[in-house]
Amino acid sequence: MQRSLAAVLLASVCVAGPAAPSFAAPPFVKVRDDLLRTAGGGTPSSIAVSRYVAPPATATLEASAATAVTPARAWYGEALAGGGSLGAFPWADPATIDNTGRVAFFSWVDGVERNQGIFVADTAGALTAIAVGCGQGGGSGAHGTCGDPSPVGGTFGGFFGGTCYAPAMNARGDVLFMADVQGGSTPRGLFLWTRSTAAITKVAAVGDLLPSGEKIYALSHGSLNNAGTAAFYVQTVAGAYSADVYTAAAGALTRAAAVGGLAPGGGLFGNLGREWFGFVDGTEMPVGAPALNDLGQLAYFATSTGTVERGLVLATGAAKQWVATSADATPLGGHYFDFFYPVMNNAGQLAFYADVLLDDGSFSGGWFVGTKAAMRKAVAFFDPLAGGQVLGLAASRADDAARQRRQRRGVDVARRQRPRADPRQPRRRHHRGDREDGRDRTPGWDPRHDERVAVAQRR
């Protein structure tokens, strides 16, 4: 899915109220194309999109005091046509957006048995439930049978909330989402809602037979391009914490990169995924997704046994190259220490968050944009912004700006802090798969393993 790399998403939702207000927001941050994020104001808990009154003079990350009008697309307590009301937590379950301003998101539904779903809201605020489930959340193993019929039989049970599982949406308004299924031919799958037909089809599911003869044991959420092709991680062995990169198009699954396959420049791929979640029902799944553009190019994090320890790979067909590696110098100075999942446009340029080890031995980090030959800093810690400093940055878990890992770093090492959990979502265990032994590389604080919440503050 093409998107402006010069404008990096810092947050996917802004706050507004229990009705559907529009408000003027003085400072704002450009997030994609002509879309903005307000820097403050409003009342809590709604999904909103802001637009520039006039286009910016430059194509870089910037803040402005110009007025932005922010109509709420959906909000906590919004009444639904089928009964109940949205129990949306936008700070925890962010929305994704297409080129027209439509948004897609997961939400709980309060007051009815059919208590959760994947929703789309258009620019006029019209809300469509594209898939509805019931029972507890995805991974709970406790689902009802009152959900919508699924394309694999049975009914949709639980969906997955959180920044890792925000539905992916392309420019046509098609929506890719993960769901548990009750009474179907598979317990869990990745599904595609096609806007033009309002039909839901299976993309891939647990138990599916792969071209290699193996079966899918677990799969990640995915990225979605404008041709309707999806890219995601597939795990074939229980507890292996190892996953290959696959694409799905027109019902065909293709392995694009494999652990143990040849890495660019020599050596073998050691790992292609970074994180895994385990759920109370005993299942697990990789977290994040490879980036995929409309040309079919893929970009993903990888480790290798060759001269490159870790970095980001750009794959054009069978040709693969390292775009940024842990040995490369950065525009901030020092060298890259570690990488999160990249975002990619149709020119093959990447935008990504990376931790940086500076020459004095201290850590920093930032978002970087470009190609192997021309890489620049987009925004980094302590950059001036809106009369203050950047004290928090989001790190993407997939090629979708709304699906983020939120981090916070200050001058001093601070305690870890996790977001407040939604009690209706099952508790997860979290495993890092970016090292084969599963252990931290250095003692003490390691920015790769910081789980703190990012907040942009103005001082």
Protein backbone atom coordinates (compact mmCIF):
# COMPACT_ATOMS: atom_id res chain seq x y z
CA MET A 1 0.00 0.00 0.00
CA GLN A 2 1.51 3.30 -1.05
CA ARG A 3 1.94 5.94 1.55
CA SER A 4 3.98 9.08 2.09
CA LEU A 5 7.24 8.13 3.77
CA ALA A 6 8.20 11.70 4.51
CA ALA A 7 5.37 11.86 6.99
CA VAL A 8 5.81 9.26 9.69
CA LEU A 9 2.92 8.19 11.85
CA LEU A 10 3.42 9.02 15.51
CA ALA A 11 -0.04 7.96 16.67
CA SER A 12 -3.10 6.59 14.97
CA VAL A 13 -5.92 8.10 16.97
CA CYS A 14 -6.70 11.44 18.53
CA VAL A 15 -9.07 12.13 21.33
CA ALA A 16 -12.62 13.41 20.97
CA GLY A 17 -15.91 12.86 22.78
CA PRO A 18 -18.90 10.64 23.39
CA ALA A 19 -20.87 12.49 20.72
CA ALA A 20 -19.57 13.18 17.22
CA PRO A 21 -17.90 16.57 17.58
CA SER A 22 -15.69 18.53 15.23
CA PHE A 23 -13.11 20.74 16.87
CA ALA A 24 -10.27 23.06 15.99
CA ALA A 25 -6.87 21.80 17.10
CA PRO A 26 -3.96 24.26 17.12
CA PRO A 27 -0.78 22.13 16.96
CA PHE A 28 -0.89 19.08 14.73
CA VAL A 29 1.46 16.57 13.13
CA LYS A 30 1.25 15.37 9.55
CA VAL A 31 0.83 11.60 9.50
CA ARG A 32 0.12 10.63 5.90
CA ASP A 33 -0.61 12.55 2.70
CA ASP A 34 -3.10 15.26 3.76
CA LEU A 35 -4.00 13.60 7.05
CA LEU A 36 -3.03 15.01 10.41
CA ARG A 37 -2.85 14.05 14.04
CA THR A 38 -3.87 16.72 16.49
CA ALA A 39 -1.43 17.36 19.30
CA GLY A 40 -4.06 18.02 21.94
CA GLY A 41 -7.55 19.12 22.82
CA GLY A 42 -10.90 17.38 22.58
CA THR A 43 -12.54 14.91 24.90
CA PRO A 44 -11.66 11.24 25.37
CA SER A 45 -12.29 8.08 23.38
CA SER A 46 -13.14 8.56 19.75
CA ILE A 47 -11.52 7.67 16.48
CA ALA A 48 -10.97 10.81 14.47
CA VAL A 49 -9.09 12.00 11.42
CA SER A 50 -7.82 15.54 10.90
CA ARG A 51 -7.11 17.23 7.57
CA TYR A 52 -5.00 20.18 6.58
CA VAL A 53 -6.89 23.32 5.75
CA ALA A 54 -4.04 24.03 3.32
CA PRO A 55 -1.20 21.72 2.18
CA PRO A 56 2.17 22.11 3.92
CA ALA A 57 5.01 24.04 2.36
CA THR A 58 7.46 21.18 2.85
CA ALA A 59 7.31 17.39 2.62
CA THR A 60 8.95 16.61 5.93
CA LEU A 61 7.67 15.72 9.37
CA GLU A 62 6.43 18.95 10.82
CA ALA A 63 4.11 20.55 13.31
CA SER A 64 1.99 23.58 12.57
CA ALA A 65 -0.29 25.95 14.39
CA ALA A 66 -2.73 26.07 11.46
CA THR A 67 -6.31 25.07 12.19
CA ALA A 68 -7.36 21.49 11.52
CA VAL A 69 -10.99 20.38 11.63
CA THR A 70 -11.39 16.91 13.12
CA PRO A 71 -14.68 15.09 12.55
CA ALA A 72 -15.06 11.96 14.68
CA ARG A 73 -15.56 8.79 12.64
CA ALA A 74 -16.67 6.58 15.53
CA TRP A 75 -16.78 7.00 19.28
CA TYR A 76 -17.26 5.21 22.57
CA GLY A 77 -20.95 4.75 23.27
CA GLU A 78 -22.03 5.20 19.63
CA ALA A 79 -25.32 3.32 19.14
CA LEU A 80 -25.24 0.48 16.61
CA ALA A 81 -28.06 -0.40 14.25
CA GLY A 82 -28.15 -4.03 15.44
CA GLY A 83 -28.27 -3.04 19.10
CA GLY A 84 -25.63 -2.26 21.67
CA SER A 85 -23.02 0.46 21.48
CA LEU A 86 -19.35 0.74 20.62
CA GLY A 87 -17.03 -0.02 23.50
CA ALA A 88 -14.06 1.33 21.56
CA PHE A 89 -10.68 1.92 23.23
CA PRO A 90 -8.88 3.92 20.50
CA TRP A 91 -5.72 4.34 22.58
CA ALA A 92 -5.35 0.55 22.65
CA ASP A 93 -7.14 -0.58 19.46
CA PRO A 94 -6.13 1.93 16.80
CA ALA A 95 -7.77 2.50 13.44
CA THR A 96 -6.21 2.17 10.01
CA ILE A 97 -7.12 4.46 7.14
CA ASP A 98 -7.50 4.33 3.37
CA ASN A 99 -6.92 7.09 0.82
CA THR A 100 -10.45 8.45 1.11
CA GLY A 101 -10.41 8.83 4.88
CA ARG A 102 -12.37 5.68 5.73
CA VAL A 103 -11.13 3.94 8.86
CA ALA A 104 -11.18 0.29 9.94
CA PHE A 105 -10.86 -0.86 13.54
CA PHE A 106 -11.66 -3.55 16.10
CA SER A 107 -14.08 -2.70 18.88
CA TRP A 108 -15.99 -4.35 21.67
CA VAL A 109 -19.77 -3.91 21.62
CA ASP A 110 -21.45 -3.19 24.93
CA GLY A 111 -24.92 -4.32 25.98
CA VAL A 112 -25.50 -7.25 23.57
CA GLU A 113 -24.45 -10.88 23.22
CA ARG A 114 -22.75 -10.20 19.87
CA ASN A 115 -20.11 -8.25 21.70
CA GLN A 116 -17.19 -7.57 19.34
CA GLY A 117 -16.38 -6.95 15.72
CA ILE A 118 -14.39 -5.38 12.91
CA PHE A 119 -15.87 -2.08 11.78
CA VAL A 120 -15.44 0.43 8.96
CA ALA A 121 -16.50 4.07 9.27
CA ASP A 122 -16.64 6.38 6.25
CA THR A 123 -15.99 10.10 6.00
CA ALA A 124 -19.62 10.87 6.83
CA GLY A 125 -19.41 8.76 9.98
CA ALA A 126 -21.55 5.90 8.58
CA LEU A 127 -20.54 2.76 10.46
CA THR A 128 -20.47 -0.74 8.95
CA ALA A 129 -19.87 -3.94 10.92
CA ILE A 130 -18.01 -6.17 8.47
CA ALA A 131 -17.64 -9.12 10.87
CA VAL A 132 -19.20 -9.66 14.29
CA GLY A 133 -18.30 -12.27 16.92
CA CYS A 134 -19.27 -13.19 20.44
CA GLY A 135 -17.74 -14.55 23.60
CA GLN A 136 -14.31 -13.65 24.87
CA GLY A 137 -11.52 -12.24 22.71
CA GLY A 138 -9.24 -13.99 20.25
CA GLY A 139 -6.94 -16.52 21.90
CA SER A 140 -9.30 -17.06 24.84
CA GLY A 141 -10.75 -20.38 23.72
CA ALA A 142 -14.10 -19.20 25.09
CA HIS A 143 -16.28 -18.19 22.17
CA GLY A 144 -20.00 -18.18 21.61
CA THR A 145 -21.86 -19.33 18.51
CA CYS A 146 -23.84 -16.15 17.86
CA GLY A 147 -21.23 -14.52 15.59
CA ASP A 148 -21.56 -13.96 11.87
CA PRO A 149 -21.08 -16.99 9.59
CA SER A 150 -17.45 -17.44 8.54
CA PRO A 151 -16.20 -18.49 5.09
CA VAL A 152 -14.63 -21.62 6.64
CA GLY A 153 -17.87 -22.77 8.26
CA GLY A 154 -19.04 -22.10 11.75
CA THR A 155 -19.15 -18.56 13.06
CA PHE A 156 -16.70 -15.83 13.93
CA GLY A 157 -15.82 -16.09 17.62
CA GLY A 158 -13.14 -13.79 19.01
CA PHE A 159 -11.18 -11.01 17.35
CA PHE A 160 -7.79 -9.63 18.34
CA GLY A 161 -7.33 -6.14 19.72
CA GLY A 162 -4.24 -4.07 20.35
CA THR A 163 -1.80 -2.27 18.11
CA CYS A 164 -0.43 -5.56 16.76
CA TYR A 165 -3.75 -6.59 15.27
CA ALA A 166 -5.30 -3.43 13.89
CA PRO A 167 -7.00 -4.46 10.63
CA ALA A 168 -5.00 -3.66 7.50
CA MET A 169 -6.78 -1.63 4.82
CA ASN A 170 -5.74 -0.76 1.26
CA ALA A 171 -6.67 2.19 -0.95
CA ARG A 172 -9.76 0.41 -2.26
CA GLY A 173 -11.10 0.04 1.26
CA ASP A 174 -10.55 -3.73 1.45
CA VAL A 175 -9.87 -4.92 5.01
CA LEU A 176 -7.59 -7.73 6.21
CA PHE A 177 -8.19 -9.07 9.73
CA MET A 178 -7.42 -11.98 12.06
CA ALA A 179 -10.17 -13.92 13.81
CA ASP A 180 -10.85 -17.07 15.81
CA VAL A 181 -13.63 -19.27 14.43
CA GLN A 182 -16.11 -21.38 16.38
CA GLY A 183 -17.18 -24.66 14.79
CA GLY A 184 -15.42 -24.16 11.47
CA SER A 185 -12.81 -26.14 9.54
CA THR A 186 -10.06 -24.10 11.24
CA PRO A 187 -9.86 -22.47 14.67
CA ARG A 188 -8.13 -19.31 13.42
CA GLY A 189 -7.52 -17.54 10.15
CA LEU A 190 -6.62 -14.41 8.25
CA PHE A 191 -9.63 -13.07 6.34
CA LEU A 192 -10.18 -10.46 3.63
CA TRP A 193 -13.28 -8.30 3.35
CA THR A 194 -13.59 -6.94 -0.20
CA ARG A 195 -15.35 -3.61 -0.21
CA SER A 196 -16.74 -3.84 -3.76
CA THR A 197 -18.61 -7.07 -3.02
CA ALA A 198 -18.93 -6.87 0.79
CA ALA A 199 -17.79 -10.52 0.78
CA ILE A 200 -15.34 -12.14 3.23
CA THR A 201 -12.88 -14.76 1.97
CA LYS A 202 -10.21 -16.81 3.71
CA VAL A 203 -6.63 -15.74 2.96
CA ALA A 204 -4.84 -18.40 5.05
CA ALA A 205 -5.66 -20.36 8.16
CA VAL A 206 -4.25 -22.69 10.78
CA GLY A 207 -4.07 -26.20 9.30
CA ASP A 208 -3.81 -25.10 5.67
CA LEU A 209 -1.46 -27.18 3.54
CA LEU A 210 1.53 -25.25 2.19
CA PRO A 211 3.26 -25.91 -1.16
CA SER A 212 6.15 -27.43 0.83
CA GLY A 213 3.83 -30.12 2.18
CA GLU A 214 3.92 -28.62 5.68
CA LYS A 215 0.86 -27.28 7.44
CA ILE A 216 0.33 -23.87 8.99
CA TYR A 217 0.67 -24.15 12.74
CA ALA A 218 0.41 -20.38 13.35
CA LEU A 219 0.35 -17.24 11.25
CA SER A 220 0.65 -13.53 11.86
CA HIS A 221 -1.51 -10.62 10.94
CA GLY A 222 -0.71 -9.31 7.47
CA SER A 223 0.02 -6.39 5.19
CA LEU A 224 -2.28 -5.70 2.25
CA ASN A 225 -1.51 -3.98 -1.05
CA ASN A 226 -3.88 -2.40 -3.53
CA ALA A 227 -4.00 -5.54 -5.68
CA GLY A 228 -5.42 -7.47 -2.75
CA THR A 229 -2.22 -9.44 -2.12
CA ALA A 230 -1.40 -10.12 1.53
CA ALA A 231 1.99 -10.74 3.15
CA PHE A 232 2.43 -12.41 6.54
CA TYR A 233 4.56 -14.76 8.64
CA VAL A 234 3.89 -18.49 8.84
CA GLN A 235 5.07 -20.85 11.58
CA THR A 236 4.93 -24.59 10.89
CA VAL A 237 6.33 -26.10 14.12
CA ALA A 238 4.87 -25.65 17.60
CA GLY A 239 7.14 -23.73 19.96
CA ALA A 240 9.76 -23.16 17.25
CA TYR A 241 9.56 -19.35 17.42
CA SER A 242 10.66 -19.37 13.80
CA ALA A 243 8.61 -18.15 10.86
CA ASP A 244 8.90 -17.79 7.08
CA VAL A 245 7.58 -14.96 4.90
CA TYR A 246 4.56 -15.83 2.73
CA THR A 247 2.31 -14.00 0.31
CA ALA A 248 -1.25 -14.88 -0.65
CA ALA A 249 -2.90 -13.84 -3.90
CA ALA A 250 -5.96 -15.28 -5.64
CA GLY A 251 -6.01 -18.22 -3.25
CA ALA A 252 -2.37 -19.23 -3.84
CA LEU A 253 0.22 -19.25 -1.04
CA THR A 254 3.86 -18.51 -1.97
CA ARG A 255 6.89 -18.68 0.29
CA ALA A 256 8.97 -15.55 -0.34
CA ALA A 257 11.72 -16.09 2.25
CA ALA A 258 12.61 -18.93 4.60
CA VAL A 259 14.66 -19.42 7.74
CA GLY A 260 17.75 -21.30 6.55
CA GLY A 261 17.46 -19.80 3.07
CA LEU A 262 20.25 -17.85 1.42
CA ALA A 263 20.72 -14.34 2.81
CA PRO A 264 21.99 -11.55 0.56
CA GLY A 265 25.78 -11.25 0.62
CA GLY A 266 26.31 -14.73 2.02
CA GLY A 267 25.22 -16.83 4.97
CA LEU A 268 21.75 -18.07 5.82
CA PHE A 269 18.73 -16.37 7.28
CA GLY A 270 18.67 -17.02 11.01
CA ASN A 271 15.25 -15.52 11.76
CA LEU A 272 12.64 -13.52 9.89
CA GLY A 273 10.31 -12.72 12.76
CA ARG A 274 10.89 -10.81 15.98
CA GLU A 275 8.10 -11.49 18.44
CA TRP A 276 5.54 -14.14 19.37
CA PHE A 277 2.44 -14.00 21.52
CA GLY A 278 1.07 -17.01 23.35
CA PHE A 279 -2.55 -17.13 24.52
CA VAL A 280 -4.46 -18.76 27.32
CA ASP A 281 -6.00 -21.29 24.93
CA GLY A 282 -2.49 -22.71 24.39
CA THR A 283 -2.02 -21.22 20.92
CA GLU A 284 0.74 -18.90 19.76
CA MET A 285 1.36 -16.68 16.79
CA PRO A 286 4.09 -14.50 15.27
CA VAL A 287 3.62 -10.76 15.71
CA GLY A 288 4.07 -8.17 12.98
CA ALA A 289 4.05 -8.51 9.21
CA PRO A 290 6.39 -7.95 6.24
CA ALA A 291 5.96 -4.76 4.22
CA LEU A 292 4.41 -5.18 0.76
CA ASN A 293 3.93 -2.58 -1.97
CA ASP A 294 1.88 -2.54 -5.16
CA LEU A 295 4.86 -3.73 -7.24
CA GLY A 296 5.05 -6.88 -5.16
CA GLN A 297 8.27 -5.87 -3.43
CA LEU A 298 8.68 -7.14 0.13
CA ALA A 299 10.67 -5.70 3.02
CA TYR A 300 11.28 -7.44 6.32
CA PHE A 301 13.55 -7.75 9.33
CA ALA A 302 16.08 -10.60 9.28
CA THR A 303 19.09 -11.99 11.07
CA SER A 304 21.75 -13.98 9.26
CA THR A 305 24.74 -16.24 9.83
CA GLY A 306 26.82 -14.24 7.34
CA THR A 307 28.76 -11.01 7.74
CA VAL A 308 25.50 -9.14 8.40
CA GLU A 309 24.15 -9.95 11.85
CA ARG A 310 20.77 -8.24 11.46
CA GLY A 311 19.05 -5.71 9.29
CA LEU A 312 16.24 -4.94 6.86
CA VAL A 313 15.92 -6.80 3.57
CA LEU A 314 14.30 -5.52 0.37
CA ALA A 315 13.18 -8.32 -1.97
CA THR A 316 12.26 -7.67 -5.60
CA GLY A 317 11.23 -11.04 -6.93
CA ALA A 318 14.09 -13.44 -6.19
CA ALA A 319 16.62 -10.60 -5.82
CA LYS A 320 17.29 -9.61 -2.22
CA GLN A 321 19.45 -6.85 -0.75
CA TRP A 322 20.19 -5.45 2.70
CA VAL A 323 18.86 -1.88 2.91
CA ALA A 324 20.15 -1.16 6.42
CA THR A 325 22.25 -3.36 8.70
CA SER A 326 23.60 -3.30 12.23
CA ALA A 327 27.04 -2.46 10.82
CA ASP A 328 25.85 0.63 8.91
CA ALA A 329 26.45 4.20 10.05
CA THR A 330 23.28 6.22 10.67
CA PRO A 331 22.35 9.83 9.88
CA LEU A 332 22.41 10.39 13.67
CA GLY A 333 26.00 9.16 13.96
CA GLY A 334 27.01 5.86 15.48
CA HIS A 335 25.51 2.74 13.93
CA TYR A 336 22.18 0.96 13.87
CA PHE A 337 21.72 -1.28 16.89
CA ASP A 338 18.40 -2.92 16.07
CA PHE A 339 15.42 -2.55 13.76
CA PHE A 340 11.66 -2.77 13.85
CA TYR A 341 9.36 -3.66 11.01
CA PRO A 342 9.59 -1.35 7.99
CA VAL A 343 6.96 0.56 6.04
CA MET A 344 7.44 0.75 2.25
CA ASN A 345 6.10 2.82 -0.65
CA ASN A 346 5.81 2.01 -4.36
CA ALA A 347 9.27 3.45 -5.05
CA GLY A 348 10.84 0.79 -2.85
CA GLN A 349 11.79 3.34 -0.19
CA LEU A 350 11.59 2.21 3.41
CA ALA A 351 10.61 4.05 6.56
CA PHE A 352 11.55 2.34 9.79
CA TYR A 353 12.27 2.86 13.45
CA ALA A 354 15.76 1.82 14.60
CA ASP A 355 17.62 1.90 17.89
CA VAL A 356 21.01 3.56 17.47
CA LEU A 357 24.22 2.96 19.39
CA LEU A 358 26.09 6.26 19.37
CA ASP A 359 29.87 6.57 19.33
CA ASP A 360 29.95 7.52 23.03
CA GLY A 361 28.22 4.27 23.95
CA SER A 362 24.81 5.79 24.66
CA PHE A 363 21.57 4.79 22.96
CA SER A 364 19.24 6.88 20.86
CA GLY A 365 16.75 6.07 18.16
CA GLY A 366 14.61 7.48 15.41
CA TRP A 367 12.69 6.97 12.22
CA PHE A 368 14.75 6.78 9.04
CA VAL A 369 13.59 7.04 5.44
CA GLY A 370 15.14 6.15 2.11
CA THR A 371 17.07 3.54 0.20
CA LYS A 372 20.41 1.81 0.66
CA ALA A 373 22.08 4.59 -1.35
CA ALA A 374 20.29 7.52 0.26
CA MET A 375 19.05 7.30 3.84
CA ARG A 376 17.98 10.25 5.95
CA LYS A 377 16.61 10.90 9.40
CA ALA A 378 12.91 11.68 9.57
CA VAL A 379 12.62 12.27 13.31
CA ALA A 380 14.65 11.23 16.34
CA PHE A 381 14.59 11.55 20.10
CA PHE A 382 15.01 15.12 21.37
CA ASP A 383 14.31 16.70 17.99
CA PRO A 384 12.49 20.04 18.41
CA LEU A 385 8.77 19.75 17.66
CA ALA A 386 5.82 22.08 18.33
CA GLY A 387 7.78 24.16 20.81
CA GLY A 388 9.05 21.16 22.72
CA GLN A 389 11.11 18.01 22.21
CA VAL A 390 10.36 14.56 20.90
CA LEU A 391 10.41 12.34 23.98
CA GLY A 392 8.54 9.33 22.58
CA LEU A 393 8.38 7.54 19.27
CA ALA A 394 6.25 4.70 17.94
CA ALA A 395 7.89 1.70 16.30
CA SER A 396 5.95 -0.13 13.61
CA ARG A 397 5.11 -3.81 13.89
CA ALA A 398 3.88 -4.02 10.30
CA ASP A 399 3.51 -2.13 7.04
CA ASP A 400 0.56 -0.27 8.41
CA ALA A 401 1.03 3.00 10.14
CA ALA A 402 -1.61 2.39 12.77
CA ARG A 403 -0.15 -0.86 13.99
CA GLN A 404 2.62 0.29 16.29
CA ARG A 405 4.76 -0.77 19.14
CA ARG A 406 4.79 2.24 21.40
CA GLN A 407 8.06 2.97 23.13
CA ARG A 408 9.32 5.66 25.40
CA ARG A 409 12.91 6.62 26.09
CA GLY A 410 14.33 9.45 28.15
CA VAL A 411 17.82 10.51 29.09
CA ASP A 412 17.94 8.01 31.93
CA VAL A 413 16.92 4.39 31.89
CA ALA A 414 13.42 4.19 33.34
CA ARG A 415 11.33 1.38 34.70
CA ARG A 416 9.25 -0.73 32.34
CA GLN A 417 5.61 0.16 32.11
CA ARG A 418 2.89 -1.71 30.21
CA PRO A 419 -0.39 -0.28 28.87
CA ARG A 420 -3.48 -0.88 30.96
CA ALA A 421 -4.92 -4.20 29.85
CA ASP A 422 -8.47 -4.69 28.66
CA PRO A 423 -9.80 -7.44 30.97
CA ARG A 424 -11.90 -8.87 28.14
CA GLN A 425 -8.83 -9.77 26.08
CA PRO A 426 -7.01 -12.96 27.12
CA ARG A 427 -3.69 -12.59 28.86
CA ARG A 428 -0.71 -13.18 26.58
CA ARG A 429 2.77 -14.43 27.10
CA HIS A 430 5.39 -12.65 25.04
CA HIS A 431 8.48 -14.15 23.45
CA ARG A 432 11.25 -12.43 21.53
CA GLY A 433 12.36 -14.44 18.54
CA ASP A 434 15.02 -12.13 17.14
CA ARG A 435 17.78 -14.22 18.72
CA GLU A 436 17.95 -17.94 18.19
CA ASP A 437 18.55 -18.55 21.90
CA GLY A 438 15.69 -16.23 22.83
CA ARG A 439 17.89 -14.26 25.26
CA ASP A 440 18.83 -10.62 25.54
CA ARG A 441 22.09 -9.72 23.83
CA THR A 442 23.31 -7.41 26.60
CA PRO A 443 22.66 -7.34 30.35
CA GLY A 444 20.51 -4.62 31.84
CA TRP A 445 18.33 -2.39 29.73
CA ASP A 446 18.21 -3.19 26.04
CA PRO A 447 16.12 -0.94 23.80
CA ARG A 448 14.95 -3.96 21.84
CA HIS A 449 13.17 -5.22 24.92
CA ASP A 450 11.68 -2.02 26.27
CA GLU A 451 7.91 -2.39 26.64
CA ARG A 452 7.10 1.11 27.81
CA VAL A 453 4.33 3.22 26.41
CA ALA A 454 5.21 6.09 24.11
CA VAL A 455 3.84 9.51 24.81
CA ALA A 456 4.78 12.61 22.87
CA GLN A 457 5.07 15.45 25.35
CA ARG A 458 5.29 19.18 24.82
CA ARG A 459 7.59 21.07 27.16
